[in-house]
């Protein structure tokens, strides 16, 4: 992570990565499903999908329940990581993702990736996104003690930018993103690219819901990203 230069604009746009900028959510569903099956757990994909966006610890708890064999958790998470790594070379950013980051920066925002994925996964997604010229900083799962929907990763991203919640807006695709941002005191724009219904994002507290990053890009000057606060 890097800190901002003296005199930089104060507004900070925090972007989730998986399912928001890069089309990965259903790959995570598939690879979690495979990892769970490797350890004898036949879980419906729909249940896994609804938990995507949580950290690995909370996702496993959500899909298997609190009475599972917790000694398996690390092995299941490792299996998911290995299976997902097989898709890295085929990751695709959503249409307009890099352009949205550049348009956001052009309006005076500092762009920070607020991801709780493993560092290697963040690096693989950033490589495909190809927008490092406007990305000031990025978090990974190691930056948060507690994963989404806890606010820790949003707070870590704010800290990376030396910013206050009132300086920021968050862009994410899951209920867990919206809830984490809300708990951190940051308004959240929701995108439908993670497969979460509009109503669920709105009920969680999203201040705006858009179809995808390209739609948000086209509407940017009528959105909370039109200009930084102050």
C-alpha atoms as a PDB file:
ATOM      1  CA  UNK A   1       0.000   0.000   0.000  1.00  0.00           C
ATOM      2  CA  UNK A   2       1.094   3.550  -0.629  1.00  0.00           C
ATOM      3  CA  UNK A   3       0.146   6.841   0.970  1.00  0.00           C
ATOM      4  CA  UNK A   4      -0.930   9.906  -0.970  1.00  0.00           C
ATOM      5  CA  UNK A   5       1.246  12.857  -1.821  1.00  0.00           C
ATOM      6  CA  UNK A   6       0.968  16.172  -0.018  1.00  0.00           C
ATOM      7  CA  UNK A   7      -1.551  18.343  -1.809  1.00  0.00           C
ATOM      8  CA  UNK A   8      -3.435  15.415  -3.364  1.00  0.00           C
ATOM      9  CA  UNK A   9      -7.237  15.697  -3.648  1.00  0.00           C
ATOM     10  CA  UNK A  10      -9.087  14.666  -0.538  1.00  0.00           C
ATOM     11  CA  UNK A  11     -11.847  12.529  -2.038  1.00  0.00           C
ATOM     12  CA  UNK A  12     -11.179   8.786  -2.004  1.00  0.00           C
ATOM     13  CA  UNK A  13     -13.077   6.297  -4.161  1.00  0.00           C
ATOM     14  CA  UNK A  14     -12.822   2.809  -2.673  1.00  0.00           C
ATOM     15  CA  UNK A  15     -13.463   0.032  -5.173  1.00  0.00           C
ATOM     16  CA  UNK A  16     -14.119  -3.576  -4.361  1.00  0.00           C
ATOM     17  CA  UNK A  17     -12.358  -5.801  -6.901  1.00  0.00           C
ATOM     18  CA  UNK A  18     -13.983  -9.240  -7.204  1.00  0.00           C
ATOM     19  CA  UNK A  19     -17.394  -9.043  -8.845  1.00  0.00           C
ATOM     20  CA  UNK A  20     -17.205  -5.248  -9.065  1.00  0.00           C
ATOM     21  CA  UNK A  21     -14.337  -4.539 -11.453  1.00  0.00           C
ATOM     22  CA  UNK A  22     -13.429  -8.095 -12.478  1.00  0.00           C
ATOM     23  CA  UNK A  23     -15.902 -10.862 -13.396  1.00  0.00           C
ATOM     24  CA  UNK A  24     -14.974 -13.404 -10.728  1.00  0.00           C
ATOM     25  CA  UNK A  25     -17.941 -14.101  -8.454  1.00  0.00           C
ATOM     26  CA  UNK A  26     -19.223 -17.162 -10.268  1.00  0.00           C
ATOM     27  CA  UNK A  27     -15.687 -18.541 -10.538  1.00  0.00           C
ATOM     28  CA  UNK A  28     -15.512 -18.252  -6.765  1.00  0.00           C
ATOM     29  CA  UNK A  29     -18.845 -20.062  -6.453  1.00  0.00           C
ATOM     30  CA  UNK A  30     -17.568 -22.901  -8.643  1.00  0.00           C
ATOM     31  CA  UNK A  31     -14.199 -23.255  -6.927  1.00  0.00           C
ATOM     32  CA  UNK A  32     -15.674 -23.071  -3.421  1.00  0.00           C
ATOM     33  CA  UNK A  33     -18.196 -25.737  -4.472  1.00  0.00           C
ATOM     34  CA  UNK A  34     -15.355 -27.932  -5.723  1.00  0.00           C
ATOM     35  CA  UNK A  35     -13.253 -27.343  -2.611  1.00  0.00           C
ATOM     36  CA  UNK A  36     -16.150 -28.204  -0.318  1.00  0.00           C
ATOM     37  CA  UNK A  37     -16.885 -31.376  -2.291  1.00  0.00           C
ATOM     38  CA  UNK A  38     -13.242 -32.432  -1.942  1.00  0.00           C
ATOM     39  CA  UNK A  39     -13.851 -32.466   1.821  1.00  0.00           C
ATOM     40  CA  UNK A  40     -17.154 -34.291   1.681  1.00  0.00           C
ATOM     41  CA  UNK A  41     -19.545 -31.314   1.752  1.00  0.00           C
ATOM     42  CA  UNK A  42     -22.155 -31.226  -1.012  1.00  0.00           C
ATOM     43  CA  UNK A  43     -23.428 -27.646  -0.746  1.00  0.00           C
ATOM     44  CA  UNK A  44     -25.879 -26.111  -3.245  1.00  0.00           C
ATOM     45  CA  UNK A  45     -24.185 -23.447  -5.340  1.00  0.00           C
ATOM     46  CA  UNK A  46     -26.921 -20.937  -4.541  1.00  0.00           C
ATOM     47  CA  UNK A  47     -25.964 -21.056  -0.863  1.00  0.00           C
ATOM     48  CA  UNK A  48     -22.327 -20.466  -1.739  1.00  0.00           C
ATOM     49  CA  UNK A  49     -23.220 -17.601  -4.072  1.00  0.00           C
ATOM     50  CA  UNK A  50     -25.086 -15.760  -1.346  1.00  0.00           C
ATOM     51  CA  UNK A  51     -21.967 -15.914   0.849  1.00  0.00           C
ATOM     52  CA  UNK A  52     -19.475 -14.753  -1.797  1.00  0.00           C
ATOM     53  CA  UNK A  53     -18.024 -11.428  -0.733  1.00  0.00           C
ATOM     54  CA  UNK A  54     -17.413 -12.602   2.816  1.00  0.00           C
ATOM     55  CA  UNK A  55     -13.939 -13.620   3.875  1.00  0.00           C
ATOM     56  CA  UNK A  56     -13.104 -17.323   3.707  1.00  0.00           C
ATOM     57  CA  UNK A  57     -13.663 -17.823   7.423  1.00  0.00           C
ATOM     58  CA  UNK A  58     -17.137 -16.320   7.379  1.00  0.00           C
ATOM     59  CA  UNK A  59     -18.073 -17.937   4.077  1.00  0.00           C
ATOM     60  CA  UNK A  60     -17.335 -21.413   5.400  1.00  0.00           C
ATOM     61  CA  UNK A  61     -19.269 -20.629   8.558  1.00  0.00           C
ATOM     62  CA  UNK A  62     -22.190 -19.367   6.483  1.00  0.00           C
ATOM     63  CA  UNK A  63     -22.425 -22.406   4.205  1.00  0.00           C
ATOM     64  CA  UNK A  64     -21.560 -25.172   6.697  1.00  0.00           C
ATOM     65  CA  UNK A  65     -22.852 -23.696   9.935  1.00  0.00           C
ATOM     66  CA  UNK A  66     -21.249 -23.233  13.352  1.00  0.00           C
ATOM     67  CA  UNK A  67     -21.224 -26.938  14.243  1.00  0.00           C
ATOM     68  CA  UNK A  68     -18.928 -28.010  11.406  1.00  0.00           C
ATOM     69  CA  UNK A  69     -15.494 -29.575  11.879  1.00  0.00           C
ATOM     70  CA  UNK A  70     -13.523 -26.345  12.158  1.00  0.00           C
ATOM     71  CA  UNK A  71     -10.222 -28.179  11.844  1.00  0.00           C
ATOM     72  CA  UNK A  72     -11.089 -28.559   8.127  1.00  0.00           C
ATOM     73  CA  UNK A  73     -11.438 -24.830   7.472  1.00  0.00           C
ATOM     74  CA  UNK A  74      -7.843 -24.116   6.504  1.00  0.00           C
ATOM     75  CA  UNK A  75      -7.668 -27.104   4.165  1.00  0.00           C
ATOM     76  CA  UNK A  76     -10.947 -26.123   2.479  1.00  0.00           C
ATOM     77  CA  UNK A  77      -9.772 -22.532   2.044  1.00  0.00           C
ATOM     78  CA  UNK A  78      -6.432 -23.707   0.655  1.00  0.00           C
ATOM     79  CA  UNK A  79      -8.219 -26.005  -1.797  1.00  0.00           C
ATOM     80  CA  UNK A  80     -10.385 -23.118  -2.967  1.00  0.00           C
ATOM     81  CA  UNK A  81      -7.309 -20.925  -3.436  1.00  0.00           C
ATOM     82  CA  UNK A  82      -5.553 -23.576  -5.513  1.00  0.00           C
ATOM     83  CA  UNK A  83      -8.613 -24.214  -7.676  1.00  0.00           C
ATOM     84  CA  UNK A  84      -9.247 -20.512  -8.204  1.00  0.00           C
ATOM     85  CA  UNK A  85      -5.606 -19.921  -9.163  1.00  0.00           C
ATOM     86  CA  UNK A  86      -6.212 -22.117 -12.178  1.00  0.00           C
ATOM     87  CA  UNK A  87      -8.486 -19.392 -13.558  1.00  0.00           C
ATOM     88  CA  UNK A  88      -6.137 -16.426 -13.091  1.00  0.00           C
ATOM     89  CA  UNK A  89      -4.976 -16.303 -16.701  1.00  0.00           C
ATOM     90  CA  UNK A  90      -8.597 -16.236 -17.871  1.00  0.00           C
ATOM     91  CA  UNK A  91      -9.870 -13.463 -15.600  1.00  0.00           C
ATOM     92  CA  UNK A  92     -11.708 -10.680 -17.398  1.00  0.00           C
ATOM     93  CA  UNK A  93     -12.481  -7.166 -16.181  1.00  0.00           C
ATOM     94  CA  UNK A  94     -15.990  -5.944 -16.808  1.00  0.00           C
ATOM     95  CA  UNK A  95     -16.418  -3.696 -19.825  1.00  0.00           C
ATOM     96  CA  UNK A  96     -15.619  -0.136 -18.802  1.00  0.00           C
ATOM     97  CA  UNK A  97     -13.854  -1.070 -15.551  1.00  0.00           C
ATOM     98  CA  UNK A  98     -10.500   0.565 -16.282  1.00  0.00           C
ATOM     99  CA  UNK A  99     -12.235   3.509 -17.963  1.00  0.00           C
ATOM    100  CA  UNK A 100     -14.361   4.054 -14.844  1.00  0.00           C
ATOM    101  CA  UNK A 101     -11.267   4.154 -12.647  1.00  0.00           C
ATOM    102  CA  UNK A 102      -9.618   6.685 -14.954  1.00  0.00           C
ATOM    103  CA  UNK A 103     -12.781   8.815 -15.192  1.00  0.00           C
ATOM    104  CA  UNK A 104     -13.043   8.746 -11.399  1.00  0.00           C
ATOM    105  CA  UNK A 105      -9.432   9.874 -11.039  1.00  0.00           C
ATOM    106  CA  UNK A 106      -9.964  12.582 -13.660  1.00  0.00           C
ATOM    107  CA  UNK A 107     -12.707  14.056 -11.471  1.00  0.00           C
ATOM    108  CA  UNK A 108     -10.298  14.521  -8.584  1.00  0.00           C
ATOM    109  CA  UNK A 109     -10.783  11.278  -6.659  1.00  0.00           C
ATOM    110  CA  UNK A 110      -7.926   9.151  -5.371  1.00  0.00           C
ATOM    111  CA  UNK A 111      -8.601   5.550  -6.390  1.00  0.00           C
ATOM    112  CA  UNK A 112      -8.026   2.773  -3.851  1.00  0.00           C
ATOM    113  CA  UNK A 113      -8.841  -0.913  -4.242  1.00  0.00           C
ATOM    114  CA  UNK A 114     -10.527  -2.160  -1.072  1.00  0.00           C
ATOM    115  CA  UNK A 115     -10.192  -5.915  -1.498  1.00  0.00           C
ATOM    116  CA  UNK A 116     -10.077  -8.645   1.113  1.00  0.00           C
ATOM    117  CA  UNK A 117      -8.764 -11.251  -1.322  1.00  0.00           C
ATOM    118  CA  UNK A 118      -5.356 -12.872  -0.909  1.00  0.00           C
ATOM    119  CA  UNK A 119      -2.441 -10.786  -2.156  1.00  0.00           C
ATOM    120  CA  UNK A 120      -1.791 -13.172  -5.056  1.00  0.00           C
ATOM    121  CA  UNK A 121      -5.431 -12.980  -6.146  1.00  0.00           C
ATOM    122  CA  UNK A 122      -5.410  -9.183  -5.993  1.00  0.00           C
ATOM    123  CA  UNK A 123      -2.232  -9.110  -8.093  1.00  0.00           C
ATOM    124  CA  UNK A 124      -3.755 -11.446 -10.700  1.00  0.00           C
ATOM    125  CA  UNK A 125      -6.911  -9.344 -10.971  1.00  0.00           C
ATOM    126  CA  UNK A 126      -4.959  -6.073 -11.154  1.00  0.00           C
ATOM    127  CA  UNK A 127      -2.856  -7.481 -13.989  1.00  0.00           C
ATOM    128  CA  UNK A 128      -6.005  -8.127 -16.017  1.00  0.00           C
ATOM    129  CA  UNK A 129      -7.560  -4.811 -15.037  1.00  0.00           C
ATOM    130  CA  UNK A 130      -4.513  -2.910 -16.320  1.00  0.00           C
ATOM    131  CA  UNK A 131      -5.257   0.393 -14.587  1.00  0.00           C
ATOM    132  CA  UNK A 132      -2.354   0.722 -12.153  1.00  0.00           C
ATOM    133  CA  UNK A 133      -1.625   4.194 -13.506  1.00  0.00           C
ATOM    134  CA  UNK A 134      -4.594   5.545 -11.504  1.00  0.00           C
ATOM    135  CA  UNK A 135      -4.676   3.119  -8.567  1.00  0.00           C
ATOM    136  CA  UNK A 136      -3.045   4.782  -5.583  1.00  0.00           C
ATOM    137  CA  UNK A 137      -3.239   1.905  -3.112  1.00  0.00           C
ATOM    138  CA  UNK A 138      -4.792  -1.501  -2.563  1.00  0.00           C
ATOM    139  CA  UNK A 139      -5.637  -3.636   0.417  1.00  0.00           C
ATOM    140  CA  UNK A 140      -5.599  -7.415   0.714  1.00  0.00           C
ATOM    141  CA  UNK A 141      -7.060  -9.857   3.195  1.00  0.00           C
ATOM    142  CA  UNK A 142      -4.008  -9.537   5.428  1.00  0.00           C
ATOM    143  CA  UNK A 143      -4.984  -5.917   6.145  1.00  0.00           C
ATOM    144  CA  UNK A 144      -8.143  -6.880   8.053  1.00  0.00           C
ATOM    145  CA  UNK A 145      -8.451  -8.871  11.260  1.00  0.00           C
ATOM    146  CA  UNK A 146     -12.165  -9.476  10.666  1.00  0.00           C
ATOM    147  CA  UNK A 147     -13.625  -9.919   7.184  1.00  0.00           C
ATOM    148  CA  UNK A 148     -16.760  -8.476   5.573  1.00  0.00           C
ATOM    149  CA  UNK A 149     -19.431  -7.654   6.568  1.00  0.00           C
ATOM    150  CA  UNK A 150     -17.230  -6.226   9.344  1.00  0.00           C
ATOM    151  CA  UNK A 151     -15.927  -2.767   8.395  1.00  0.00           C
ATOM    152  CA  UNK A 152     -12.246  -3.623   8.856  1.00  0.00           C
ATOM    153  CA  UNK A 153     -11.226  -3.766   5.177  1.00  0.00           C
ATOM    154  CA  UNK A 154     -12.981  -0.460   4.434  1.00  0.00           C
ATOM    155  CA  UNK A 155     -11.217   1.097   7.400  1.00  0.00           C
ATOM    156  CA  UNK A 156      -7.902  -0.345   6.196  1.00  0.00           C
ATOM    157  CA  UNK A 157      -8.458   1.199   2.767  1.00  0.00           C
ATOM    158  CA  UNK A 158      -9.240   4.560   4.365  1.00  0.00           C
ATOM    159  CA  UNK A 159      -6.080   4.261   6.427  1.00  0.00           C
ATOM    160  CA  UNK A 160      -4.039   3.457   3.315  1.00  0.00           C
ATOM    161  CA  UNK A 161      -5.246   6.728   1.831  1.00  0.00           C
ATOM    162  CA  UNK A 162      -5.040   8.659   5.121  1.00  0.00           C
ATOM    163  CA  UNK A 163      -8.699   9.561   4.639  1.00  0.00           C
ATOM    164  CA  UNK A 164     -11.814   9.946   6.753  1.00  0.00           C
ATOM    165  CA  UNK A 165     -15.149   8.208   6.055  1.00  0.00           C
ATOM    166  CA  UNK A 166     -16.642  11.585   5.100  1.00  0.00           C
ATOM    167  CA  UNK A 167     -14.004  11.826   2.340  1.00  0.00           C
ATOM    168  CA  UNK A 168     -14.969   8.542   0.725  1.00  0.00           C
ATOM    169  CA  UNK A 169     -17.415   6.572  -1.360  1.00  0.00           C
ATOM    170  CA  UNK A 170     -17.317   2.798  -1.772  1.00  0.00           C
ATOM    171  CA  UNK A 171     -18.271   0.821  -4.884  1.00  0.00           C
ATOM    172  CA  UNK A 172     -19.149  -2.854  -4.410  1.00  0.00           C
ATOM    173  CA  UNK A 173     -21.382  -5.663  -5.622  1.00  0.00           C
ATOM    174  CA  UNK A 174     -22.570  -7.644  -2.600  1.00  0.00           C
ATOM    175  CA  UNK A 175     -24.719  -7.038   0.437  1.00  0.00           C
ATOM    176  CA  UNK A 176     -21.562  -7.639   2.475  1.00  0.00           C
ATOM    177  CA  UNK A 177     -19.812  -4.761   0.672  1.00  0.00           C
ATOM    178  CA  UNK A 178     -22.701  -2.415   1.377  1.00  0.00           C
ATOM    179  CA  UNK A 179     -22.907  -3.478   5.007  1.00  0.00           C
ATOM    180  CA  UNK A 180     -19.153  -3.164   5.565  1.00  0.00           C
ATOM    181  CA  UNK A 181     -19.164   0.325   4.053  1.00  0.00           C
ATOM    182  CA  UNK A 182     -22.189   1.348   6.110  1.00  0.00           C
ATOM    183  CA  UNK A 183     -20.535   0.167   9.325  1.00  0.00           C
ATOM    184  CA  UNK A 184     -17.468   2.224   8.396  1.00  0.00           C
ATOM    185  CA  UNK A 185     -19.617   5.301   7.770  1.00  0.00           C
ATOM    186  CA  UNK A 186     -18.989   5.333   4.003  1.00  0.00           C
ATOM    187  CA  UNK A 187     -21.787   5.585   1.406  1.00  0.00           C
ATOM    188  CA  UNK A 188     -21.831   2.687  -1.046  1.00  0.00           C
ATOM    189  CA  UNK A 189     -22.740   2.426  -4.717  1.00  0.00           C
ATOM    190  CA  UNK A 190     -23.935  -1.086  -5.531  1.00  0.00           C
ATOM    191  CA  UNK A 191     -23.459  -2.904  -8.828  1.00  0.00           C
ATOM    192  CA  UNK A 192     -25.522  -5.856 -10.042  1.00  0.00           C
ATOM    193  CA  UNK A 193     -22.526  -7.677 -11.538  1.00  0.00           C
ATOM    194  CA  UNK A 194     -22.102  -9.875  -8.476  1.00  0.00           C
ATOM    195  CA  UNK A 195     -25.512 -11.433  -9.032  1.00  0.00           C
ATOM    196  CA  UNK A 196     -27.203  -9.835  -6.011  1.00  0.00           C
ATOM    197  CA  UNK A 197     -30.722  -8.466  -6.679  1.00  0.00           C
ATOM    198  CA  UNK A 198     -31.171  -4.703  -6.751  1.00  0.00           C
ATOM    199  CA  UNK A 199     -33.635  -4.764  -3.861  1.00  0.00           C
ATOM    200  CA  UNK A 200     -31.197  -6.544  -1.548  1.00  0.00           C
ATOM    201  CA  UNK A 201     -28.479  -3.979  -2.237  1.00  0.00           C
ATOM    202  CA  UNK A 202     -30.936  -1.133  -1.681  1.00  0.00           C
ATOM    203  CA  UNK A 203     -32.264  -2.726   1.515  1.00  0.00           C
ATOM    204  CA  UNK A 204     -28.690  -3.046   2.783  1.00  0.00           C
ATOM    205  CA  UNK A 205     -28.271   0.715   2.329  1.00  0.00           C
ATOM    206  CA  UNK A 206     -26.737   1.307  -1.110  1.00  0.00           C
ATOM    207  CA  UNK A 207     -27.164   4.967  -2.061  1.00  0.00           C
ATOM    208  CA  UNK A 208     -27.246   4.093  -5.768  1.00  0.00           C
ATOM    209  CA  UNK A 209     -27.493   0.788  -7.645  1.00  0.00           C
ATOM    210  CA  UNK A 210     -26.255   0.453 -11.239  1.00  0.00           C
ATOM    211  CA  UNK A 211     -26.345  -2.436 -13.672  1.00  0.00           C
ATOM    212  CA  UNK A 212     -22.543  -2.539 -14.062  1.00  0.00           C
ATOM    213  CA  UNK A 213     -19.419  -0.381 -14.210  1.00  0.00           C
ATOM    214  CA  UNK A 214     -20.179   0.731 -17.762  1.00  0.00           C
ATOM    215  CA  UNK A 215     -23.579   2.043 -16.668  1.00  0.00           C
ATOM    216  CA  UNK A 216     -21.976   3.838 -13.729  1.00  0.00           C
ATOM    217  CA  UNK A 217     -19.363   5.312 -16.075  1.00  0.00           C
ATOM    218  CA  UNK A 218     -22.062   6.645 -18.371  1.00  0.00           C
ATOM    219  CA  UNK A 219     -23.932   8.149 -15.405  1.00  0.00           C
ATOM    220  CA  UNK A 220     -20.870   9.246 -13.450  1.00  0.00           C
ATOM    221  CA  UNK A 221     -21.708  12.951 -13.415  1.00  0.00           C
ATOM    222  CA  UNK A 222     -25.132  12.216 -11.932  1.00  0.00           C
ATOM    223  CA  UNK A 223     -23.681   9.867  -9.311  1.00  0.00           C
ATOM    224  CA  UNK A 224     -21.828  10.311  -6.012  1.00  0.00           C
ATOM    225  CA  UNK A 225     -18.613  10.059  -8.098  1.00  0.00           C
ATOM    226  CA  UNK A 226     -19.359  13.310  -9.926  1.00  0.00           C
ATOM    227  CA  UNK A 227     -16.913  15.167  -7.713  1.00  0.00           C
ATOM    228  CA  UNK A 228     -15.112  14.628  -4.409  1.00  0.00           C
ATOM    229  CA  UNK A 229     -16.618  16.053  -1.210  1.00  0.00           C
ATOM    230  CA  UNK A 230     -15.651  19.586  -0.267  1.00  0.00           C
END
